[in-house]
Amino acid sequence: MGRDRIERDGSQEATQRGRARLMLKLPAVRKQLQHLEEGSPLDGILEAYDAACSALERFRQNLDGGDRLIAEYETVCVEIEIDVLGELSGPSVAPPRR
């Protein structure tokens, strides 16, 4: 039981860090991100964004990180940003045709 709580707390912290990173990166949806409730369907994406950004920072700091890994993780981060924007915008509703 204690281990589950630690993992859940760590996951929640990663979710919060991912949310904060995205709020800085995507100011147009900052308020929407800020008001997401705990347990949101986006929690996994937010956690993944934190992990990808953390890895990217490590690769950039490490002289042996390699340009290929940096480019790959930059792409991953951008793809997650696009996914979040898509999720927050929801399905667009076209006005009825007359």
Foldseek 3Di string as FASTA:
>chain_A
DVVVVVVVVVLVVLLVVLLVVLCVVPVVCNVVSVPDDPVHPCSVLSSVLSVLVVVLVVLVVDPPSDPVNNVVSVVVNVVSSVVVVDVVVDDDDDDDDD
